[in-house]
């Protein structure tokens, strides 16, 4: 969308051959209600997964359930405990992976990406598939993207002060200009981390000759 820092080269590359929506808004500013809307097409007042009750109701028909009923293999991968079996967001998925519950064999590689590669390799090629991936990165405490920090962080000696975020939102703490700049730079590194793996996912789909037959959102 024209940001001055080169945080998302893979997404920018995709826009050249994709439809880009410039007037799209989430139904909510936090995870459960926003994802419940993504999965159901309903507003929060209808699906009722809100701050009062962030468990997704079994009464809500999800995209995974609809596609499963139509013969799709459905696979969910989540790095976020707010999108989990505990919050009932796994309904309709044949397989649902929660990355925080396993120890990665290679800590330098995103565990969710490893699950994705395995599923694409082992899936039944006679069935269409729906695969959902939730990245937790680009989310405080902004500590997932160490390999990209040098690209954006101008003063690595500064601490991120993520622990101040809640009191900052409540008006009880203030950030200096340098601290705000530092948080912005850390956030940009997180965006770049996610973009890096989006590029890898596209490459895997192409390697398995799935790209031309896949709707990639």
N, C-alpha and C. Protein backbone atom coordinates (compact mmCIF):
# COMPACT_ATOMS: atom_id res chain seq x y z
N UNK A 1 0.81 -1.22 0.00
CA UNK A 1 0.00 0.00 0.00
C UNK A 1 0.85 1.27 0.00
N UNK A 2 2.13 1.16 -0.33
CA UNK A 2 2.94 2.35 -0.47
C UNK A 2 3.76 2.73 0.75
N UNK A 3 3.95 1.82 1.70
CA UNK A 3 4.75 2.11 2.89
C UNK A 3 6.20 2.37 2.48
N UNK A 4 6.84 3.29 3.17
CA UNK A 4 8.19 3.72 2.76
C UNK A 4 9.25 2.65 3.01
N UNK A 5 9.04 1.78 4.02
CA UNK A 5 10.03 0.73 4.30
C UNK A 5 9.65 -0.55 3.55
N UNK A 6 10.66 -1.26 3.08
CA UNK A 6 10.43 -2.46 2.29
C UNK A 6 10.21 -3.66 3.22
N UNK A 7 9.04 -3.69 3.85
CA UNK A 7 8.75 -4.73 4.83
C UNK A 7 8.13 -5.97 4.21
N UNK A 8 7.58 -5.88 3.00
CA UNK A 8 6.79 -7.00 2.47
C UNK A 8 7.02 -7.22 0.98
N UNK A 9 8.25 -7.55 0.59
CA UNK A 9 8.55 -7.74 -0.84
C UNK A 9 7.74 -8.86 -1.49
N UNK A 10 7.45 -9.93 -0.74
CA UNK A 10 6.70 -11.04 -1.34
C UNK A 10 5.24 -10.67 -1.57
N UNK A 11 4.64 -9.94 -0.62
CA UNK A 11 3.27 -9.48 -0.82
C UNK A 11 3.19 -8.50 -1.97
N UNK A 12 4.18 -7.61 -2.07
CA UNK A 12 4.20 -6.65 -3.17
C UNK A 12 4.29 -7.39 -4.50
N UNK A 13 5.11 -8.43 -4.54
CA UNK A 13 5.25 -9.22 -5.76
C UNK A 13 3.91 -9.88 -6.12
N UNK A 14 3.19 -10.35 -5.12
CA UNK A 14 1.90 -11.00 -5.37
C UNK A 14 0.87 -10.03 -5.93
N UNK A 15 0.95 -8.75 -5.53
CA UNK A 15 -0.05 -7.79 -6.00
C UNK A 15 -0.02 -7.62 -7.51
N UNK A 16 1.09 -7.93 -8.13
CA UNK A 16 1.21 -7.76 -9.58
C UNK A 16 0.31 -8.74 -10.35
N UNK A 17 -0.02 -9.87 -9.71
CA UNK A 17 -0.86 -10.87 -10.38
C UNK A 17 -2.10 -11.21 -9.56
N UNK A 18 -2.45 -10.34 -8.61
CA UNK A 18 -3.56 -10.63 -7.70
C UNK A 18 -4.57 -9.49 -7.71
N UNK A 19 -5.72 -9.77 -7.13
CA UNK A 19 -6.70 -8.73 -6.89
C UNK A 19 -6.45 -8.16 -5.49
N UNK A 20 -6.27 -6.85 -5.42
CA UNK A 20 -5.98 -6.19 -4.15
C UNK A 20 -7.19 -5.38 -3.69
N UNK A 21 -7.60 -5.61 -2.45
CA UNK A 21 -8.74 -4.90 -1.89
C UNK A 21 -8.25 -3.74 -1.04
N UNK A 22 -8.61 -2.54 -1.41
CA UNK A 22 -8.12 -1.34 -0.72
C UNK A 22 -9.14 -0.78 0.27
N UNK A 23 -10.30 -1.43 0.36
CA UNK A 23 -11.35 -0.93 1.25
C UNK A 23 -11.91 -2.09 2.07
N UNK A 24 -10.99 -2.85 2.68
CA UNK A 24 -11.36 -4.04 3.45
C UNK A 24 -11.06 -3.81 4.93
N UNK A 25 -11.99 -4.15 5.79
CA UNK A 25 -11.84 -3.89 7.22
C UNK A 25 -12.17 -5.14 8.03
N UNK A 26 -11.42 -5.34 9.09
CA UNK A 26 -11.74 -6.40 10.03
C UNK A 26 -12.97 -6.00 10.84
N UNK A 27 -13.72 -7.01 11.29
CA UNK A 27 -14.89 -6.72 12.13
C UNK A 27 -14.50 -6.39 13.56
N UNK A 28 -13.22 -6.63 13.91
CA UNK A 28 -12.79 -6.38 15.28
C UNK A 28 -11.29 -6.16 15.32
N UNK A 29 -10.83 -5.55 16.42
CA UNK A 29 -9.41 -5.26 16.59
C UNK A 29 -8.64 -6.33 17.34
N UNK A 30 -9.30 -7.45 17.67
CA UNK A 30 -8.55 -8.51 18.35
C UNK A 30 -9.02 -9.88 17.88
N UNK A 31 -8.30 -10.92 18.30
CA UNK A 31 -8.29 -12.20 17.61
C UNK A 31 -9.62 -12.96 17.56
N UNK A 32 -10.24 -13.35 18.70
CA UNK A 32 -11.41 -14.24 18.59
C UNK A 32 -12.57 -13.69 17.75
N UNK A 33 -13.03 -12.45 18.01
CA UNK A 33 -14.16 -11.98 17.19
C UNK A 33 -13.80 -11.81 15.72
N UNK A 34 -12.56 -11.37 15.45
CA UNK A 34 -12.14 -11.19 14.06
C UNK A 34 -12.08 -12.53 13.32
N UNK A 35 -11.50 -13.54 13.98
CA UNK A 35 -11.40 -14.85 13.33
C UNK A 35 -12.75 -15.54 13.23
N UNK A 36 -13.60 -15.36 14.22
CA UNK A 36 -14.94 -15.93 14.14
C UNK A 36 -15.69 -15.35 12.94
N UNK A 37 -15.48 -14.07 12.66
CA UNK A 37 -16.09 -13.45 11.48
C UNK A 37 -15.49 -13.99 10.19
N UNK A 38 -14.17 -14.17 10.16
CA UNK A 38 -13.52 -14.76 8.99
C UNK A 38 -14.06 -16.15 8.70
N UNK A 39 -14.28 -16.93 9.76
CA UNK A 39 -14.70 -18.31 9.59
C UNK A 39 -16.19 -18.44 9.27
N UNK A 40 -16.99 -17.46 9.72
CA UNK A 40 -18.45 -17.61 9.61
C UNK A 40 -19.13 -16.62 8.68
N UNK A 41 -18.48 -15.48 8.41
CA UNK A 41 -19.12 -14.43 7.63
C UNK A 41 -20.10 -13.60 8.44
N UNK A 42 -20.08 -13.77 9.76
CA UNK A 42 -21.02 -13.07 10.63
C UNK A 42 -20.33 -11.94 11.39
N UNK A 43 -21.10 -10.93 11.77
CA UNK A 43 -20.60 -9.92 12.68
C UNK A 43 -20.55 -10.47 14.11
N UNK A 44 -19.79 -9.81 14.96
CA UNK A 44 -19.59 -10.28 16.33
C UNK A 44 -20.91 -10.43 17.09
N UNK A 45 -21.85 -9.52 16.84
CA UNK A 45 -23.13 -9.57 17.54
C UNK A 45 -23.90 -10.85 17.23
N UNK A 46 -23.59 -11.46 16.07
CA UNK A 46 -24.27 -12.70 15.68
C UNK A 46 -23.53 -13.95 16.11
N UNK A 47 -22.18 -13.97 15.91
CA UNK A 47 -21.45 -15.19 16.31
C UNK A 47 -21.12 -15.21 17.80
N UNK A 48 -21.12 -14.03 18.44
CA UNK A 48 -21.02 -13.88 19.89
C UNK A 48 -19.67 -14.33 20.48
N UNK A 49 -18.64 -14.45 19.66
CA UNK A 49 -17.29 -14.71 20.19
C UNK A 49 -16.64 -13.35 20.46
N UNK A 50 -16.91 -12.80 21.63
CA UNK A 50 -16.48 -11.45 21.96
C UNK A 50 -15.68 -11.46 23.26
N UNK A 51 -15.40 -10.26 23.78
CA UNK A 51 -14.66 -10.17 25.04
C UNK A 51 -15.44 -10.77 26.21
N UNK A 52 -16.74 -10.90 26.07
CA UNK A 52 -17.56 -11.51 27.12
C UNK A 52 -17.51 -13.03 27.08
N UNK A 53 -17.25 -13.57 25.88
CA UNK A 53 -17.18 -15.02 25.71
C UNK A 53 -16.42 -15.30 24.42
N UNK A 54 -15.11 -15.57 24.53
CA UNK A 54 -14.32 -15.71 23.31
C UNK A 54 -14.23 -17.16 22.81
N UNK A 55 -15.16 -18.02 23.27
CA UNK A 55 -15.25 -19.38 22.75
C UNK A 55 -16.22 -19.39 21.57
N UNK A 56 -15.79 -19.96 20.46
CA UNK A 56 -16.65 -20.02 19.28
C UNK A 56 -17.73 -21.08 19.49
N UNK A 57 -18.97 -20.70 19.32
CA UNK A 57 -20.10 -21.60 19.57
C UNK A 57 -20.19 -22.71 18.53
N UNK A 58 -20.59 -23.90 18.98
CA UNK A 58 -20.83 -25.00 18.05
C UNK A 58 -22.00 -24.71 17.12
N UNK A 59 -22.83 -23.75 17.49
CA UNK A 59 -23.99 -23.40 16.66
C UNK A 59 -23.60 -22.61 15.42
N UNK A 60 -22.36 -22.09 15.40
CA UNK A 60 -21.90 -21.30 14.26
C UNK A 60 -21.36 -22.23 13.18
N UNK A 61 -21.86 -22.09 11.97
CA UNK A 61 -21.34 -22.87 10.84
C UNK A 61 -20.08 -22.20 10.30
N UNK A 62 -18.97 -22.92 10.30
CA UNK A 62 -17.70 -22.34 9.87
C UNK A 62 -17.38 -22.73 8.43
N UNK A 63 -16.49 -21.97 7.83
CA UNK A 63 -16.03 -22.26 6.47
C UNK A 63 -15.45 -23.66 6.38
N UNK A 64 -14.67 -24.06 7.40
CA UNK A 64 -14.08 -25.40 7.39
C UNK A 64 -15.15 -26.48 7.40
N UNK A 65 -16.23 -26.25 8.16
CA UNK A 65 -17.32 -27.23 8.21
C UNK A 65 -18.03 -27.33 6.86
N UNK A 66 -18.30 -26.20 6.25
CA UNK A 66 -18.98 -26.20 4.95
C UNK A 66 -18.14 -26.91 3.89
N UNK A 67 -16.84 -26.58 3.85
CA UNK A 67 -15.97 -27.19 2.85
C UNK A 67 -15.78 -28.69 3.12
N UNK A 68 -15.70 -29.05 4.40
CA UNK A 68 -15.57 -30.47 4.75
C UNK A 68 -16.79 -31.24 4.28
N UNK A 69 -17.97 -30.65 4.43
CA UNK A 69 -19.20 -31.29 3.97
C UNK A 69 -19.23 -31.46 2.45
N UNK A 70 -18.43 -30.65 1.75
CA UNK A 70 -18.37 -30.72 0.29
C UNK A 70 -17.13 -31.47 -0.21
N UNK A 71 -16.52 -32.28 0.67
CA UNK A 71 -15.46 -33.17 0.22
C UNK A 71 -14.05 -32.63 0.30
N UNK A 72 -13.86 -31.47 0.93
CA UNK A 72 -12.53 -30.91 1.07
C UNK A 72 -11.81 -31.50 2.28
N UNK A 73 -10.51 -31.73 2.15
CA UNK A 73 -9.67 -32.01 3.31
C UNK A 73 -9.38 -30.67 3.97
N UNK A 74 -9.63 -30.55 5.26
CA UNK A 74 -9.50 -29.27 5.95
C UNK A 74 -8.39 -29.35 6.99
N UNK A 75 -7.45 -28.41 6.91
CA UNK A 75 -6.26 -28.41 7.76
C UNK A 75 -6.10 -27.03 8.38
N UNK A 76 -5.97 -26.97 9.68
CA UNK A 76 -5.74 -25.71 10.38
C UNK A 76 -4.40 -25.72 11.08
N UNK A 77 -3.68 -24.61 11.00
CA UNK A 77 -2.40 -24.44 11.69
C UNK A 77 -2.45 -23.12 12.42
N UNK A 78 -2.26 -23.14 13.73
CA UNK A 78 -2.34 -21.91 14.50
C UNK A 78 -1.14 -21.75 15.42
N UNK A 79 -0.60 -20.53 15.44
CA UNK A 79 0.45 -20.17 16.38
C UNK A 79 -0.11 -19.38 17.56
N UNK A 80 -1.43 -19.21 17.58
CA UNK A 80 -2.07 -18.31 18.55
C UNK A 80 -3.04 -19.09 19.44
N UNK A 81 -2.81 -19.13 20.75
CA UNK A 81 -3.70 -19.86 21.65
C UNK A 81 -5.14 -19.35 21.66
N UNK A 82 -5.36 -18.14 21.14
CA UNK A 82 -6.72 -17.63 21.05
C UNK A 82 -7.47 -18.22 19.85
N UNK A 83 -6.73 -18.89 18.96
CA UNK A 83 -7.34 -19.64 17.85
C UNK A 83 -6.91 -21.08 18.04
N UNK A 84 -7.67 -21.84 18.81
CA UNK A 84 -7.18 -23.14 19.26
C UNK A 84 -8.34 -24.09 19.53
N UNK A 85 -7.98 -25.31 19.92
CA UNK A 85 -9.00 -26.26 20.34
C UNK A 85 -9.67 -25.76 21.62
N UNK A 86 -8.91 -25.05 22.45
CA UNK A 86 -9.46 -24.53 23.70
C UNK A 86 -10.53 -23.48 23.51
N UNK A 87 -10.47 -22.76 22.40
CA UNK A 87 -11.48 -21.74 22.10
C UNK A 87 -12.46 -22.22 21.02
N UNK A 88 -12.35 -23.50 20.67
CA UNK A 88 -13.28 -24.18 19.75
C UNK A 88 -13.17 -23.67 18.31
N UNK A 89 -12.03 -23.10 17.95
CA UNK A 89 -11.84 -22.65 16.57
C UNK A 89 -11.39 -23.78 15.65
N UNK A 90 -11.26 -24.96 16.20
CA UNK A 90 -10.83 -26.10 15.39
C UNK A 90 -12.01 -26.80 14.71
N UNK A 91 -13.24 -26.37 15.01
CA UNK A 91 -14.41 -27.10 14.50
C UNK A 91 -14.45 -27.07 12.97
N UNK A 92 -14.64 -28.23 12.40
CA UNK A 92 -14.68 -28.36 10.94
C UNK A 92 -13.36 -28.77 10.33
N UNK A 93 -12.27 -28.71 11.10
CA UNK A 93 -10.96 -29.09 10.55
C UNK A 93 -10.70 -30.57 10.79
N UNK A 94 -10.29 -31.27 9.74
CA UNK A 94 -9.89 -32.68 9.89
C UNK A 94 -8.64 -32.79 10.75
N UNK A 95 -7.73 -31.85 10.54
CA UNK A 95 -6.49 -31.81 11.32
C UNK A 95 -6.27 -30.37 11.77
N UNK A 96 -5.87 -30.22 13.02
CA UNK A 96 -5.66 -28.87 13.56
C UNK A 96 -4.40 -28.88 14.42
N UNK A 97 -3.40 -28.09 14.01
CA UNK A 97 -2.09 -28.10 14.66
C UNK A 97 -1.89 -26.82 15.47
N UNK A 98 -1.48 -26.99 16.72
CA UNK A 98 -1.20 -25.87 17.61
C UNK A 98 0.31 -25.87 17.89
N UNK A 99 1.01 -24.91 17.33
CA UNK A 99 2.46 -24.98 17.30
C UNK A 99 3.11 -24.89 18.67
N UNK A 100 2.46 -24.22 19.63
CA UNK A 100 3.06 -24.04 20.95
C UNK A 100 3.04 -25.34 21.77
N UNK A 101 2.36 -26.37 21.26
CA UNK A 101 2.26 -27.62 21.99
C UNK A 101 3.34 -28.62 21.60
N UNK A 102 4.18 -28.24 20.65
CA UNK A 102 5.23 -29.15 20.21
C UNK A 102 6.59 -28.45 20.28
N UNK A 103 7.63 -29.25 20.44
CA UNK A 103 8.98 -28.72 20.43
C UNK A 103 9.52 -28.83 19.01
N UNK A 104 9.89 -27.70 18.44
CA UNK A 104 10.35 -27.70 17.05
C UNK A 104 11.66 -28.46 16.90
N UNK A 105 11.77 -29.31 15.87
CA UNK A 105 13.04 -29.99 15.61
C UNK A 105 14.11 -29.04 15.10
N UNK A 106 13.67 -27.88 14.60
CA UNK A 106 14.60 -26.88 14.09
C UNK A 106 14.10 -25.50 14.52
N UNK A 107 14.55 -24.99 15.68
CA UNK A 107 14.04 -23.71 16.21
C UNK A 107 14.22 -22.53 15.27
N UNK A 108 15.13 -22.65 14.30
CA UNK A 108 15.37 -21.55 13.38
C UNK A 108 14.34 -21.50 12.25
N UNK A 109 13.51 -22.54 12.16
CA UNK A 109 12.48 -22.60 11.12
C UNK A 109 11.12 -22.56 11.79
N UNK A 110 10.20 -21.80 11.22
CA UNK A 110 8.86 -21.67 11.77
C UNK A 110 8.17 -23.03 11.83
N UNK A 111 7.68 -23.40 13.02
CA UNK A 111 7.08 -24.72 13.20
C UNK A 111 5.81 -24.88 12.38
N UNK A 112 5.01 -23.84 12.30
CA UNK A 112 3.79 -23.91 11.50
C UNK A 112 4.09 -24.18 10.04
N UNK A 113 5.17 -23.59 9.54
CA UNK A 113 5.59 -23.81 8.16
C UNK A 113 5.99 -25.27 7.94
N UNK A 114 6.64 -25.87 8.95
CA UNK A 114 7.01 -27.28 8.85
C UNK A 114 5.76 -28.17 8.78
N UNK A 115 4.74 -27.82 9.59
CA UNK A 115 3.47 -28.56 9.52
C UNK A 115 2.86 -28.42 8.14
N UNK A 116 2.87 -27.21 7.60
CA UNK A 116 2.28 -26.96 6.28
C UNK A 116 2.97 -27.80 5.21
N UNK A 117 4.28 -27.82 5.21
CA UNK A 117 5.02 -28.60 4.21
C UNK A 117 4.66 -30.08 4.30
N UNK A 118 4.58 -30.58 5.53
CA UNK A 118 4.26 -32.00 5.73
C UNK A 118 2.85 -32.31 5.22
N UNK A 119 1.89 -31.43 5.50
CA UNK A 119 0.52 -31.67 5.07
C UNK A 119 0.38 -31.63 3.55
N UNK A 120 1.08 -30.72 2.90
CA UNK A 120 1.01 -30.66 1.45
C UNK A 120 1.69 -31.88 0.82
N UNK A 121 2.70 -32.37 1.48
CA UNK A 121 3.41 -33.56 0.98
C UNK A 121 2.56 -34.82 1.14
N UNK A 122 1.87 -34.94 2.29
CA UNK A 122 1.20 -36.20 2.64
C UNK A 122 -0.29 -36.22 2.30
N UNK A 123 -0.85 -35.11 1.83
CA UNK A 123 -2.30 -35.04 1.65
C UNK A 123 -2.75 -35.99 0.53
N UNK A 124 -4.06 -36.28 0.54
CA UNK A 124 -4.68 -37.09 -0.51
C UNK A 124 -4.84 -36.22 -1.75
N UNK A 125 -4.09 -36.51 -2.78
CA UNK A 125 -4.09 -35.66 -3.98
C UNK A 125 -5.39 -35.75 -4.76
N UNK A 126 -6.26 -36.70 -4.40
CA UNK A 126 -7.55 -36.82 -5.09
C UNK A 126 -8.61 -35.91 -4.48
N UNK A 127 -8.30 -35.29 -3.34
CA UNK A 127 -9.26 -34.42 -2.67
C UNK A 127 -8.81 -32.96 -2.76
N UNK A 128 -9.75 -32.04 -2.97
CA UNK A 128 -9.39 -30.63 -2.83
C UNK A 128 -9.10 -30.34 -1.36
N UNK A 129 -8.37 -29.28 -1.08
CA UNK A 129 -8.02 -29.00 0.31
C UNK A 129 -8.25 -27.54 0.65
N UNK A 130 -8.53 -27.32 1.93
CA UNK A 130 -8.60 -25.98 2.51
C UNK A 130 -7.59 -25.94 3.65
N UNK A 131 -6.66 -24.99 3.59
CA UNK A 131 -5.63 -24.90 4.62
C UNK A 131 -5.61 -23.48 5.18
N UNK A 132 -5.77 -23.38 6.50
CA UNK A 132 -5.76 -22.10 7.20
C UNK A 132 -4.51 -22.02 8.06
N UNK A 133 -3.83 -20.85 8.03
CA UNK A 133 -2.60 -20.65 8.80
C UNK A 133 -2.71 -19.33 9.55
N UNK A 134 -2.58 -19.39 10.88
CA UNK A 134 -2.52 -18.17 11.69
C UNK A 134 -1.08 -17.95 12.15
N UNK A 135 -0.50 -16.82 11.73
CA UNK A 135 0.81 -16.40 12.22
C UNK A 135 0.63 -15.54 13.47
N UNK A 136 1.37 -15.82 14.53
CA UNK A 136 1.32 -14.98 15.73
C UNK A 136 2.26 -13.78 15.61
N UNK A 137 3.22 -13.87 14.71
CA UNK A 137 4.17 -12.77 14.57
C UNK A 137 3.47 -11.51 14.08
N UNK A 138 4.15 -10.39 14.14
CA UNK A 138 3.56 -9.06 13.99
C UNK A 138 2.58 -8.82 15.13
N UNK A 139 2.93 -9.34 16.29
CA UNK A 139 2.13 -9.25 17.52
C UNK A 139 3.13 -9.09 18.66
N UNK A 140 2.81 -8.22 19.60
CA UNK A 140 3.71 -8.07 20.74
C UNK A 140 3.92 -9.44 21.39
N UNK A 141 5.12 -9.71 21.90
CA UNK A 141 6.19 -8.77 22.27
C UNK A 141 7.25 -8.50 21.20
N UNK A 142 6.95 -8.73 19.92
CA UNK A 142 7.85 -8.38 18.81
C UNK A 142 9.25 -9.01 18.98
N UNK A 143 9.28 -10.29 19.32
CA UNK A 143 10.56 -10.94 19.59
C UNK A 143 10.81 -12.16 18.70
N UNK A 144 10.08 -12.26 17.59
CA UNK A 144 10.16 -13.45 16.74
C UNK A 144 11.07 -13.28 15.53
N UNK A 145 11.49 -12.06 15.27
CA UNK A 145 12.06 -11.76 13.95
C UNK A 145 13.52 -11.34 14.02
N UNK A 146 14.29 -12.02 14.82
CA UNK A 146 15.67 -11.57 15.06
C UNK A 146 16.49 -11.47 13.77
N UNK A 147 16.25 -12.37 12.82
CA UNK A 147 17.05 -12.35 11.60
C UNK A 147 16.74 -11.15 10.71
N UNK A 148 15.64 -10.41 11.00
CA UNK A 148 15.28 -9.26 10.19
C UNK A 148 15.47 -7.93 10.92
N UNK A 149 15.86 -7.99 12.17
CA UNK A 149 15.96 -6.75 12.95
C UNK A 149 17.00 -5.79 12.40
N UNK A 150 18.12 -6.32 11.93
CA UNK A 150 19.19 -5.45 11.44
C UNK A 150 18.74 -4.60 10.26
N UNK A 151 17.74 -5.06 9.54
CA UNK A 151 17.25 -4.30 8.38
C UNK A 151 16.52 -3.03 8.80
N UNK A 152 15.92 -3.05 10.00
CA UNK A 152 15.01 -1.97 10.38
C UNK A 152 15.38 -1.25 11.67
N UNK A 153 15.99 -1.96 12.62
CA UNK A 153 16.23 -1.37 13.94
C UNK A 153 17.46 -0.48 13.90
N UNK A 154 17.27 0.81 14.16
CA UNK A 154 18.36 1.78 14.07
C UNK A 154 19.20 1.85 15.34
N UNK A 155 18.60 1.49 16.47
CA UNK A 155 19.34 1.52 17.74
C UNK A 155 19.09 0.22 18.49
N UNK A 156 19.90 -0.83 18.23
CA UNK A 156 19.67 -2.14 18.84
C UNK A 156 19.88 -2.15 20.35
N UNK A 157 20.47 -1.10 20.91
CA UNK A 157 20.71 -1.06 22.35
C UNK A 157 19.43 -0.73 23.14
N UNK A 158 18.44 -0.15 22.45
CA UNK A 158 17.19 0.16 23.13
C UNK A 158 16.42 -1.11 23.47
N UNK A 159 15.78 -1.13 24.62
CA UNK A 159 14.90 -2.23 24.97
C UNK A 159 13.51 -1.94 24.41
N UNK A 160 12.75 -2.99 24.14
CA UNK A 160 11.48 -2.79 23.43
C UNK A 160 10.38 -2.21 24.32
N UNK A 161 10.48 -2.43 25.66
CA UNK A 161 9.48 -1.91 26.60
C UNK A 161 8.07 -2.40 26.27
N UNK A 162 7.97 -3.62 25.74
CA UNK A 162 6.65 -4.17 25.46
C UNK A 162 5.80 -4.29 26.72
N UNK A 163 6.47 -4.46 27.86
CA UNK A 163 5.72 -4.62 29.10
C UNK A 163 4.94 -3.35 29.45
N UNK A 164 5.24 -2.25 28.79
CA UNK A 164 4.54 -0.99 29.07
C UNK A 164 3.29 -0.79 28.20
N UNK A 165 3.03 -1.71 27.28
CA UNK A 165 1.96 -1.47 26.31
C UNK A 165 0.59 -1.29 26.96
N UNK A 166 0.23 -2.17 27.90
CA UNK A 166 -1.10 -2.06 28.52
C UNK A 166 -1.23 -0.75 29.31
N UNK A 167 -0.27 -0.43 30.20
CA UNK A 167 -0.40 0.86 30.89
C UNK A 167 -0.35 2.05 29.94
N UNK A 168 0.35 1.91 28.80
CA UNK A 168 0.38 2.98 27.80
C UNK A 168 -1.02 3.19 27.23
N UNK A 169 -1.70 2.08 26.87
CA UNK A 169 -3.06 2.20 26.33
C UNK A 169 -4.02 2.78 27.35
N UNK A 170 -3.75 2.54 28.64
CA UNK A 170 -4.62 3.05 29.70
C UNK A 170 -4.26 4.48 30.10
N UNK A 171 -3.24 5.05 29.47
CA UNK A 171 -2.85 6.42 29.76
C UNK A 171 -2.03 6.58 31.03
N UNK A 172 -1.46 5.46 31.54
CA UNK A 172 -0.70 5.52 32.79
C UNK A 172 0.80 5.59 32.56
N UNK A 173 1.25 5.30 31.32
CA UNK A 173 2.67 5.36 30.97
C UNK A 173 2.82 6.13 29.67
N UNK A 174 4.00 6.66 29.48
CA UNK A 174 4.30 7.35 28.23
C UNK A 174 5.58 6.76 27.63
N UNK A 175 5.62 6.77 26.31
CA UNK A 175 6.82 6.38 25.60
C UNK A 175 7.53 7.63 25.09
N UNK A 176 8.86 7.59 25.12
CA UNK A 176 9.61 8.67 24.48
C UNK A 176 9.52 8.49 22.97
N UNK A 177 9.89 9.52 22.23
CA UNK A 177 9.87 9.44 20.77
C UNK A 177 10.79 8.32 20.29
N UNK A 178 11.95 8.19 20.95
CA UNK A 178 12.90 7.13 20.57
C UNK A 178 12.31 5.75 20.81
N UNK A 179 11.57 5.58 21.90
CA UNK A 179 10.94 4.30 22.19
C UNK A 179 9.86 3.96 21.18
N UNK A 180 9.07 4.94 20.80
CA UNK A 180 8.02 4.70 19.79
C UNK A 180 8.64 4.31 18.46
N UNK A 181 9.70 5.01 18.08
CA UNK A 181 10.40 4.66 16.83
C UNK A 181 10.93 3.24 16.89
N UNK A 182 11.49 2.87 18.05
CA UNK A 182 12.03 1.52 18.22
C UNK A 182 10.94 0.47 18.10
N UNK A 183 9.79 0.70 18.71
CA UNK A 183 8.68 -0.24 18.61
C UNK A 183 8.19 -0.37 17.17
N UNK A 184 8.15 0.75 16.45
CA UNK A 184 7.76 0.71 15.04
C UNK A 184 8.73 -0.13 14.23
N UNK A 185 10.00 0.03 14.52
CA UNK A 185 11.03 -0.72 13.78
C UNK A 185 10.96 -2.21 14.10
N UNK A 186 10.72 -2.55 15.36
CA UNK A 186 10.56 -3.96 15.73
C UNK A 186 9.33 -4.55 15.04
N UNK A 187 8.27 -3.77 14.98
CA UNK A 187 7.04 -4.24 14.33
C UNK A 187 7.28 -4.47 12.84
N UNK A 188 8.04 -3.58 12.22
CA UNK A 188 8.35 -3.75 10.80
C UNK A 188 9.15 -5.02 10.56
N UNK A 189 10.06 -5.33 11.48
CA UNK A 189 10.82 -6.58 11.37
C UNK A 189 9.89 -7.79 11.46
N UNK A 190 8.86 -7.69 12.30
CA UNK A 190 7.89 -8.78 12.43
C UNK A 190 7.10 -8.95 11.13
N UNK A 191 6.70 -7.84 10.52
CA UNK A 191 5.99 -7.91 9.24
C UNK A 191 6.88 -8.61 8.21
N UNK A 192 8.14 -8.26 8.19
CA UNK A 192 9.07 -8.84 7.23
C UNK A 192 9.23 -10.35 7.46
N UNK A 193 9.20 -10.76 8.73
CA UNK A 193 9.28 -12.18 9.07
C UNK A 193 8.09 -12.94 8.46
N UNK A 194 6.88 -12.41 8.68
CA UNK A 194 5.68 -13.06 8.13
C UNK A 194 5.75 -13.07 6.61
N UNK A 195 6.14 -11.96 6.01
CA UNK A 195 6.24 -11.87 4.56
C UNK A 195 7.24 -12.89 4.01
N UNK A 196 8.33 -13.09 4.73
CA UNK A 196 9.34 -14.09 4.34
C UNK A 196 8.71 -15.47 4.23
N UNK A 197 7.86 -15.83 5.20
CA UNK A 197 7.24 -17.15 5.17
C UNK A 197 6.09 -17.22 4.18
N UNK A 198 5.44 -16.12 3.91
CA UNK A 198 4.44 -16.11 2.83
C UNK A 198 5.13 -16.46 1.51
N UNK A 199 6.30 -15.88 1.30
CA UNK A 199 7.07 -16.21 0.09
C UNK A 199 7.42 -17.69 0.03
N UNK A 200 7.80 -18.27 1.17
CA UNK A 200 8.17 -19.69 1.21
C UNK A 200 6.95 -20.57 0.96
N UNK A 201 5.78 -20.17 1.47
CA UNK A 201 4.56 -20.95 1.26
C UNK A 201 4.19 -20.94 -0.23
N UNK A 202 4.28 -19.77 -0.86
CA UNK A 202 4.00 -19.68 -2.29
C UNK A 202 4.93 -20.61 -3.07
N UNK A 203 6.20 -20.61 -2.68
CA UNK A 203 7.19 -21.45 -3.37
C UNK A 203 6.86 -22.93 -3.22
N UNK A 204 6.44 -23.34 -2.01
CA UNK A 204 6.08 -24.75 -1.78
C UNK A 204 4.88 -25.13 -2.64
N UNK A 205 3.87 -24.27 -2.70
CA UNK A 205 2.69 -24.55 -3.53
C UNK A 205 3.08 -24.70 -4.99
N UNK A 206 4.00 -23.88 -5.44
CA UNK A 206 4.46 -23.98 -6.83
C UNK A 206 5.27 -25.26 -7.04
N UNK A 207 6.10 -25.63 -6.07
CA UNK A 207 6.91 -26.85 -6.18
C UNK A 207 6.03 -28.09 -6.29
N UNK A 208 4.88 -28.07 -5.60
CA UNK A 208 3.95 -29.20 -5.66
C UNK A 208 2.94 -29.05 -6.79
N UNK A 209 3.13 -28.06 -7.63
CA UNK A 209 2.27 -27.79 -8.79
C UNK A 209 0.81 -27.58 -8.38
N UNK A 210 0.65 -26.88 -7.26
CA UNK A 210 -0.68 -26.58 -6.75
C UNK A 210 -1.08 -25.12 -6.96
N UNK A 211 -0.10 -24.30 -7.26
CA UNK A 211 -0.33 -22.86 -7.28
C UNK A 211 -1.43 -22.43 -8.24
N UNK A 212 -1.42 -22.97 -9.45
CA UNK A 212 -2.37 -22.56 -10.48
C UNK A 212 -3.79 -23.00 -10.16
N UNK A 213 -3.94 -23.98 -9.27
CA UNK A 213 -5.28 -24.47 -8.92
C UNK A 213 -5.68 -24.08 -7.49
N UNK A 214 -4.98 -23.10 -6.92
CA UNK A 214 -5.21 -22.73 -5.53
C UNK A 214 -5.67 -21.28 -5.43
N UNK A 215 -6.71 -21.04 -4.66
CA UNK A 215 -7.09 -19.68 -4.30
C UNK A 215 -6.29 -19.32 -3.06
N UNK A 216 -5.42 -18.33 -3.19
CA UNK A 216 -4.49 -17.97 -2.12
C UNK A 216 -4.91 -16.60 -1.56
N UNK A 217 -5.37 -16.59 -0.31
CA UNK A 217 -5.92 -15.36 0.28
C UNK A 217 -5.00 -14.89 1.39
